[in-house]
């Protein structure tokens, strides 16, 4: 005679196994959908800063001591006084999210290295600067210690003009993530201004696409 107790137990075990498999597949699918949704959300928040276009409007950039620089499209401005070196770059956010600027680094001459220092070593901005998606804005920085090596180095690079100088800007999305470091080179123009161009972009919080 058939052992119905055994058959019933096997059937129950089989049903449980099928249910477990279906549950696993459902959870895996849900996790995959959640990751896709998260990536879509991050893409919607991701900024990317490039030099603005030549036809973009000139921007007036103010400093805490009352100094003002006028920065034309696709350009940078650099001025020196006895107490400070003033710098500004006209930028355009070509990404899809608001850019929040965090810090910066000045490099004399043209920097073609493939790596960047630890982001924690960058000079922090003294005020919050935001650039909306699809809009123009600016980065600004200054050196205010005439006796420091950084002040002397920046002053020499600006006065010599020569190969110009480079600036790396650290920024991220409005939520404080997806940090990016963008390197810009500022080349001297015949009219005394500086032409801005982008050299390299690094993802700090995301895998490097290269």
C-alpha atoms as a PDB file:
ATOM      1  CA  UNK A   1       0.000   0.000   0.000  1.00  0.00           C
ATOM      2  CA  UNK A   2       1.094   3.588  -0.643  1.00  0.00           C
ATOM      3  CA  UNK A   3       2.626   5.381   2.293  1.00  0.00           C
ATOM      4  CA  UNK A   4       0.388   8.488   2.147  1.00  0.00           C
ATOM      5  CA  UNK A   5       2.172  10.103   5.059  1.00  0.00           C
ATOM      6  CA  UNK A   6       5.477   9.996   3.186  1.00  0.00           C
ATOM      7  CA  UNK A   7       3.857  11.130  -0.057  1.00  0.00           C
ATOM      8  CA  UNK A   8       2.175  14.029   1.738  1.00  0.00           C
ATOM      9  CA  UNK A   9       5.445  15.062   3.380  1.00  0.00           C
ATOM     10  CA  UNK A  10       7.290  14.944   0.045  1.00  0.00           C
ATOM     11  CA  UNK A  11       4.563  16.972  -1.645  1.00  0.00           C
ATOM     12  CA  UNK A  12       4.688  19.559   1.119  1.00  0.00           C
ATOM     13  CA  UNK A  13       8.472  19.750   0.861  1.00  0.00           C
ATOM     14  CA  UNK A  14       8.270  20.140  -2.915  1.00  0.00           C
ATOM     15  CA  UNK A  15       5.710  22.907  -2.619  1.00  0.00           C
ATOM     16  CA  UNK A  16       7.832  24.681  -0.047  1.00  0.00           C
ATOM     17  CA  UNK A  17      10.861  24.420  -2.333  1.00  0.00           C
ATOM     18  CA  UNK A  18       8.937  25.860  -5.275  1.00  0.00           C
ATOM     19  CA  UNK A  19       7.630  28.682  -3.086  1.00  0.00           C
ATOM     20  CA  UNK A  20      11.159  29.421  -1.827  1.00  0.00           C
ATOM     21  CA  UNK A  21      12.454  29.562  -5.408  1.00  0.00           C
ATOM     22  CA  UNK A  22       9.674  31.927  -6.446  1.00  0.00           C
ATOM     23  CA  UNK A  23      10.333  34.121  -3.410  1.00  0.00           C
ATOM     24  CA  UNK A  24      14.071  34.237  -4.160  1.00  0.00           C
ATOM     25  CA  UNK A  25      13.425  35.194  -7.791  1.00  0.00           C
ATOM     26  CA  UNK A  26      10.946  37.859  -6.712  1.00  0.00           C
ATOM     27  CA  UNK A  27      13.369  39.379  -4.176  1.00  0.00           C
ATOM     28  CA  UNK A  28      16.221  39.313  -6.704  1.00  0.00           C
ATOM     29  CA  UNK A  29      14.037  41.034  -9.276  1.00  0.00           C
ATOM     30  CA  UNK A  30      12.915  43.633  -6.724  1.00  0.00           C
ATOM     31  CA  UNK A  31      16.516  44.326  -5.719  1.00  0.00           C
ATOM     32  CA  UNK A  32      17.491  44.749  -9.359  1.00  0.00           C
ATOM     33  CA  UNK A  33      14.592  47.141  -9.915  1.00  0.00           C
ATOM     34  CA  UNK A  34      15.576  49.091  -6.790  1.00  0.00           C
ATOM     35  CA  UNK A  35      19.168  49.417  -8.030  1.00  0.00           C
ATOM     36  CA  UNK A  36      17.960  50.633 -11.423  1.00  0.00           C
ATOM     37  CA  UNK A  37      15.658  53.163  -9.747  1.00  0.00           C
ATOM     38  CA  UNK A  38      18.492  54.344  -7.491  1.00  0.00           C
ATOM     39  CA  UNK A  39      20.826  54.785 -10.454  1.00  0.00           C
ATOM     40  CA  UNK A  40      18.148  56.708 -12.343  1.00  0.00           C
ATOM     41  CA  UNK A  41      17.676  58.965  -9.328  1.00  0.00           C
ATOM     42  CA  UNK A  42      21.414  59.575  -9.012  1.00  0.00           C
ATOM     43  CA  UNK A  43      21.712  60.388 -12.714  1.00  0.00           C
ATOM     44  CA  UNK A  44      18.972  62.968 -12.216  1.00  0.00           C
ATOM     45  CA  UNK A  45      21.029  64.583  -9.443  1.00  0.00           C
ATOM     46  CA  UNK A  46      24.452  64.381 -11.097  1.00  0.00           C
ATOM     47  CA  UNK A  47      26.234  67.648 -11.967  1.00  0.00           C
ATOM     48  CA  UNK A  48      29.132  68.191 -14.376  1.00  0.00           C
ATOM     49  CA  UNK A  49      30.897  71.542 -14.634  1.00  0.00           C
ATOM     50  CA  UNK A  50      32.485  72.705 -17.882  1.00  0.00           C
ATOM     51  CA  UNK A  51      33.804  76.126 -18.902  1.00  0.00           C
ATOM     52  CA  UNK A  52      30.921  78.314 -20.034  1.00  0.00           C
ATOM     53  CA  UNK A  53      30.389  79.208 -23.688  1.00  0.00           C
ATOM     54  CA  UNK A  54      31.951  82.252 -25.327  1.00  0.00           C
ATOM     55  CA  UNK A  55      28.494  83.739 -25.918  1.00  0.00           C
ATOM     56  CA  UNK A  56      27.477  83.376 -22.255  1.00  0.00           C
ATOM     57  CA  UNK A  57      26.945  86.578 -20.279  1.00  0.00           C
ATOM     58  CA  UNK A  58      29.733  88.228 -18.307  1.00  0.00           C
ATOM     59  CA  UNK A  59      29.406  87.583 -14.571  1.00  0.00           C
ATOM     60  CA  UNK A  60      30.321  89.914 -11.727  1.00  0.00           C
ATOM     61  CA  UNK A  61      31.987  87.987  -8.902  1.00  0.00           C
ATOM     62  CA  UNK A  62      32.365  89.583  -5.475  1.00  0.00           C
ATOM     63  CA  UNK A  63      34.813  88.839  -2.655  1.00  0.00           C
ATOM     64  CA  UNK A  64      34.443  89.379   1.073  1.00  0.00           C
ATOM     65  CA  UNK A  65      36.745  92.433   1.072  1.00  0.00           C
ATOM     66  CA  UNK A  66      34.648  94.277  -1.514  1.00  0.00           C
ATOM     67  CA  UNK A  67      36.758  93.314  -4.529  1.00  0.00           C
ATOM     68  CA  UNK A  68      34.859  92.525  -7.754  1.00  0.00           C
ATOM     69  CA  UNK A  69      35.964  90.581 -10.848  1.00  0.00           C
ATOM     70  CA  UNK A  70      34.183  90.541 -14.195  1.00  0.00           C
ATOM     71  CA  UNK A  71      34.369  87.126 -15.882  1.00  0.00           C
ATOM     72  CA  UNK A  72      33.303  86.724 -19.514  1.00  0.00           C
ATOM     73  CA  UNK A  73      31.981  83.522 -21.039  1.00  0.00           C
ATOM     74  CA  UNK A  74      34.535  80.718 -21.509  1.00  0.00           C
ATOM     75  CA  UNK A  75      37.035  82.784 -19.534  1.00  0.00           C
ATOM     76  CA  UNK A  76      38.689  83.289 -16.176  1.00  0.00           C
ATOM     77  CA  UNK A  77      39.867  86.357 -14.304  1.00  0.00           C
ATOM     78  CA  UNK A  78      42.968  86.757 -12.166  1.00  0.00           C
ATOM     79  CA  UNK A  79      44.068  89.924 -10.367  1.00  0.00           C
ATOM     80  CA  UNK A  80      46.813  90.624  -7.856  1.00  0.00           C
ATOM     81  CA  UNK A  81      47.078  93.233  -5.106  1.00  0.00           C
ATOM     82  CA  UNK A  82      49.575  93.658  -2.322  1.00  0.00           C
ATOM     83  CA  UNK A  83      47.324  91.705   0.039  1.00  0.00           C
ATOM     84  CA  UNK A  84      45.531  89.136  -2.134  1.00  0.00           C
ATOM     85  CA  UNK A  85      45.406  87.102  -5.330  1.00  0.00           C
ATOM     86  CA  UNK A  86      41.861  86.937  -6.731  1.00  0.00           C
ATOM     87  CA  UNK A  87      40.694  84.160  -9.062  1.00  0.00           C
ATOM     88  CA  UNK A  88      37.401  83.320 -10.768  1.00  0.00           C
ATOM     89  CA  UNK A  89      36.264  80.990 -13.581  1.00  0.00           C
ATOM     90  CA  UNK A  90      33.020  81.159 -15.569  1.00  0.00           C
ATOM     91  CA  UNK A  91      31.414  77.688 -15.554  1.00  0.00           C
ATOM     92  CA  UNK A  92      28.370  75.982 -17.032  1.00  0.00           C
ATOM     93  CA  UNK A  93      26.638  72.985 -15.446  1.00  0.00           C
ATOM     94  CA  UNK A  94      26.035  70.528 -18.303  1.00  0.00           C
ATOM     95  CA  UNK A  95      24.799  67.828 -15.901  1.00  0.00           C
ATOM     96  CA  UNK A  96      21.236  67.147 -14.813  1.00  0.00           C
ATOM     97  CA  UNK A  97      21.511  68.110 -11.125  1.00  0.00           C
ATOM     98  CA  UNK A  98      22.467  71.154  -9.068  1.00  0.00           C
ATOM     99  CA  UNK A  99      26.225  71.450  -8.437  1.00  0.00           C
ATOM    100  CA  UNK A 100      27.375  72.297  -4.912  1.00  0.00           C
ATOM    101  CA  UNK A 101      31.002  73.500  -4.908  1.00  0.00           C
ATOM    102  CA  UNK A 102      33.167  72.259  -2.023  1.00  0.00           C
ATOM    103  CA  UNK A 103      36.850  73.071  -2.533  1.00  0.00           C
ATOM    104  CA  UNK A 104      39.731  73.769  -4.917  1.00  0.00           C
ATOM    105  CA  UNK A 105      43.438  73.461  -5.657  1.00  0.00           C
ATOM    106  CA  UNK A 106      45.750  75.799  -7.606  1.00  0.00           C
ATOM    107  CA  UNK A 107      48.553  74.394  -9.782  1.00  0.00           C
ATOM    108  CA  UNK A 108      51.098  76.665 -11.520  1.00  0.00           C
ATOM    109  CA  UNK A 109      51.507  75.900 -15.240  1.00  0.00           C
ATOM    110  CA  UNK A 110      49.711  73.204 -17.228  1.00  0.00           C
ATOM    111  CA  UNK A 111      49.022  70.061 -15.188  1.00  0.00           C
ATOM    112  CA  UNK A 112      48.679  66.902 -17.304  1.00  0.00           C
ATOM    113  CA  UNK A 113      48.981  64.335 -14.499  1.00  0.00           C
ATOM    114  CA  UNK A 114      46.420  61.515 -14.414  1.00  0.00           C
ATOM    115  CA  UNK A 115      45.827  61.556 -10.662  1.00  0.00           C
ATOM    116  CA  UNK A 116      44.628  64.013  -8.050  1.00  0.00           C
ATOM    117  CA  UNK A 117      45.440  64.444  -4.341  1.00  0.00           C
ATOM    118  CA  UNK A 118      43.181  63.372  -1.495  1.00  0.00           C
ATOM    119  CA  UNK A 119      40.024  65.543  -1.662  1.00  0.00           C
ATOM    120  CA  UNK A 120      40.430  66.325   2.050  1.00  0.00           C
ATOM    121  CA  UNK A 121      43.548  68.360   1.195  1.00  0.00           C
ATOM    122  CA  UNK A 122      41.666  70.794  -1.064  1.00  0.00           C
ATOM    123  CA  UNK A 123      41.045  74.353   0.125  1.00  0.00           C
ATOM    124  CA  UNK A 124      37.472  74.658   1.374  1.00  0.00           C
ATOM    125  CA  UNK A 125      35.292  77.422   0.000  1.00  0.00           C
ATOM    126  CA  UNK A 126      34.352  80.065   2.563  1.00  0.00           C
ATOM    127  CA  UNK A 127      30.784  80.260   1.257  1.00  0.00           C
ATOM    128  CA  UNK A 128      28.362  77.904  -0.467  1.00  0.00           C
ATOM    129  CA  UNK A 129      28.270  78.237  -4.256  1.00  0.00           C
ATOM    130  CA  UNK A 130      25.591  76.433  -6.273  1.00  0.00           C
ATOM    131  CA  UNK A 131      25.172  76.175 -10.050  1.00  0.00           C
ATOM    132  CA  UNK A 132      21.801  75.035 -11.389  1.00  0.00           C
ATOM    133  CA  UNK A 133      21.568  72.357 -14.075  1.00  0.00           C
ATOM    134  CA  UNK A 134      21.828  73.855 -17.552  1.00  0.00           C
ATOM    135  CA  UNK A 135      22.821  77.262 -16.175  1.00  0.00           C
ATOM    136  CA  UNK A 136      26.009  79.277 -15.817  1.00  0.00           C
ATOM    137  CA  UNK A 137      27.760  80.141 -12.589  1.00  0.00           C
ATOM    138  CA  UNK A 138      31.296  80.575 -11.326  1.00  0.00           C
ATOM    139  CA  UNK A 139      34.058  79.326  -9.090  1.00  0.00           C
ATOM    140  CA  UNK A 140      36.081  81.805  -7.049  1.00  0.00           C
ATOM    141  CA  UNK A 141      39.139  81.565  -4.829  1.00  0.00           C
ATOM    142  CA  UNK A 142      41.817  83.759  -3.327  1.00  0.00           C
ATOM    143  CA  UNK A 143      45.191  83.737  -1.572  1.00  0.00           C
ATOM    144  CA  UNK A 144      45.500  86.203   1.320  1.00  0.00           C
ATOM    145  CA  UNK A 145      48.840  85.440   2.964  1.00  0.00           C
ATOM    146  CA  UNK A 146      51.545  87.327   0.970  1.00  0.00           C
ATOM    147  CA  UNK A 147      54.292  85.551   2.925  1.00  0.00           C
ATOM    148  CA  UNK A 148      53.049  82.035   2.017  1.00  0.00           C
ATOM    149  CA  UNK A 149      54.558  79.848  -0.695  1.00  0.00           C
ATOM    150  CA  UNK A 150      51.121  79.405  -2.286  1.00  0.00           C
ATOM    151  CA  UNK A 151      50.672  83.167  -2.637  1.00  0.00           C
ATOM    152  CA  UNK A 152      54.117  83.588  -4.201  1.00  0.00           C
ATOM    153  CA  UNK A 153      53.599  80.652  -6.561  1.00  0.00           C
ATOM    154  CA  UNK A 154      50.201  81.905  -7.749  1.00  0.00           C
ATOM    155  CA  UNK A 155      51.474  85.452  -8.185  1.00  0.00           C
ATOM    156  CA  UNK A 156      54.490  84.282 -10.225  1.00  0.00           C
ATOM    157  CA  UNK A 157      52.321  82.106 -12.511  1.00  0.00           C
ATOM    158  CA  UNK A 158      49.829  84.894 -13.148  1.00  0.00           C
ATOM    159  CA  UNK A 159      52.423  87.620 -13.733  1.00  0.00           C
ATOM    160  CA  UNK A 160      54.549  85.446 -16.022  1.00  0.00           C
ATOM    161  CA  UNK A 161      51.466  84.304 -17.981  1.00  0.00           C
ATOM    162  CA  UNK A 162      53.553  81.838 -20.013  1.00  0.00           C
ATOM    163  CA  UNK A 163      51.815  78.434 -19.810  1.00  0.00           C
ATOM    164  CA  UNK A 164      49.098  79.849 -17.557  1.00  0.00           C
ATOM    165  CA  UNK A 165      47.903  77.832 -14.587  1.00  0.00           C
ATOM    166  CA  UNK A 166      45.499  75.037 -13.631  1.00  0.00           C
ATOM    167  CA  UNK A 167      42.705  74.876 -11.066  1.00  0.00           C
ATOM    168  CA  UNK A 168      40.974  71.747  -9.778  1.00  0.00           C
ATOM    169  CA  UNK A 169      37.469  72.208  -8.376  1.00  0.00           C
ATOM    170  CA  UNK A 170      35.806  69.690  -6.033  1.00  0.00           C
ATOM    171  CA  UNK A 171      32.004  69.621  -6.178  1.00  0.00           C
ATOM    172  CA  UNK A 172      29.039  67.266  -5.841  1.00  0.00           C
ATOM    173  CA  UNK A 173      25.269  67.018  -6.004  1.00  0.00           C
ATOM    174  CA  UNK A 174      22.820  68.852  -3.759  1.00  0.00           C
ATOM    175  CA  UNK A 175      22.651  65.846  -1.388  1.00  0.00           C
ATOM    176  CA  UNK A 176      26.393  65.998  -0.750  1.00  0.00           C
ATOM    177  CA  UNK A 177      27.264  62.895  -2.788  1.00  0.00           C
ATOM    178  CA  UNK A 178      28.512  62.010  -6.278  1.00  0.00           C
ATOM    179  CA  UNK A 179      31.572  64.188  -5.779  1.00  0.00           C
ATOM    180  CA  UNK A 180      33.598  65.107  -8.845  1.00  0.00           C
ATOM    181  CA  UNK A 181      36.965  66.780  -9.305  1.00  0.00           C
ATOM    182  CA  UNK A 182      37.299  68.768 -12.540  1.00  0.00           C
ATOM    183  CA  UNK A 183      40.616  70.217 -13.707  1.00  0.00           C
ATOM    184  CA  UNK A 184      40.599  73.435 -15.732  1.00  0.00           C
ATOM    185  CA  UNK A 185      43.521  75.038 -17.522  1.00  0.00           C
ATOM    186  CA  UNK A 186      43.636  78.807 -17.821  1.00  0.00           C
ATOM    187  CA  UNK A 187      45.669  80.014 -20.806  1.00  0.00           C
ATOM    188  CA  UNK A 188      46.613  83.687 -21.306  1.00  0.00           C
ATOM    189  CA  UNK A 189      44.758  85.606 -23.998  1.00  0.00           C
ATOM    190  CA  UNK A 190      46.063  88.588 -25.959  1.00  0.00           C
ATOM    191  CA  UNK A 191      43.484  90.899 -24.372  1.00  0.00           C
ATOM    192  CA  UNK A 192      44.809  90.204 -20.870  1.00  0.00           C
ATOM    193  CA  UNK A 193      42.060  87.740 -19.904  1.00  0.00           C
ATOM    194  CA  UNK A 194      42.390  83.968 -19.537  1.00  0.00           C
ATOM    195  CA  UNK A 195      40.798  81.278 -21.709  1.00  0.00           C
ATOM    196  CA  UNK A 196      39.327  78.386 -19.709  1.00  0.00           C
ATOM    197  CA  UNK A 197      39.349  74.774 -20.909  1.00  0.00           C
ATOM    198  CA  UNK A 198      38.532  71.480 -19.162  1.00  0.00           C
ATOM    199  CA  UNK A 199      41.302  68.907 -18.948  1.00  0.00           C
ATOM    200  CA  UNK A 200      40.059  65.965 -16.867  1.00  0.00           C
ATOM    201  CA  UNK A 201      37.160  64.886 -14.634  1.00  0.00           C
ATOM    202  CA  UNK A 202      37.362  62.313 -11.826  1.00  0.00           C
ATOM    203  CA  UNK A 203      34.531  60.558  -9.971  1.00  0.00           C
ATOM    204  CA  UNK A 204      35.344  60.580  -6.250  1.00  0.00           C
ATOM    205  CA  UNK A 205      32.374  58.582  -4.914  1.00  0.00           C
ATOM    206  CA  UNK A 206      31.598  56.482  -8.011  1.00  0.00           C
ATOM    207  CA  UNK A 207      33.670  54.034 -10.100  1.00  0.00           C
ATOM    208  CA  UNK A 208      35.949  55.662 -12.643  1.00  0.00           C
ATOM    209  CA  UNK A 209      34.412  55.185 -16.100  1.00  0.00           C
ATOM    210  CA  UNK A 210      37.895  54.855 -17.551  1.00  0.00           C
END
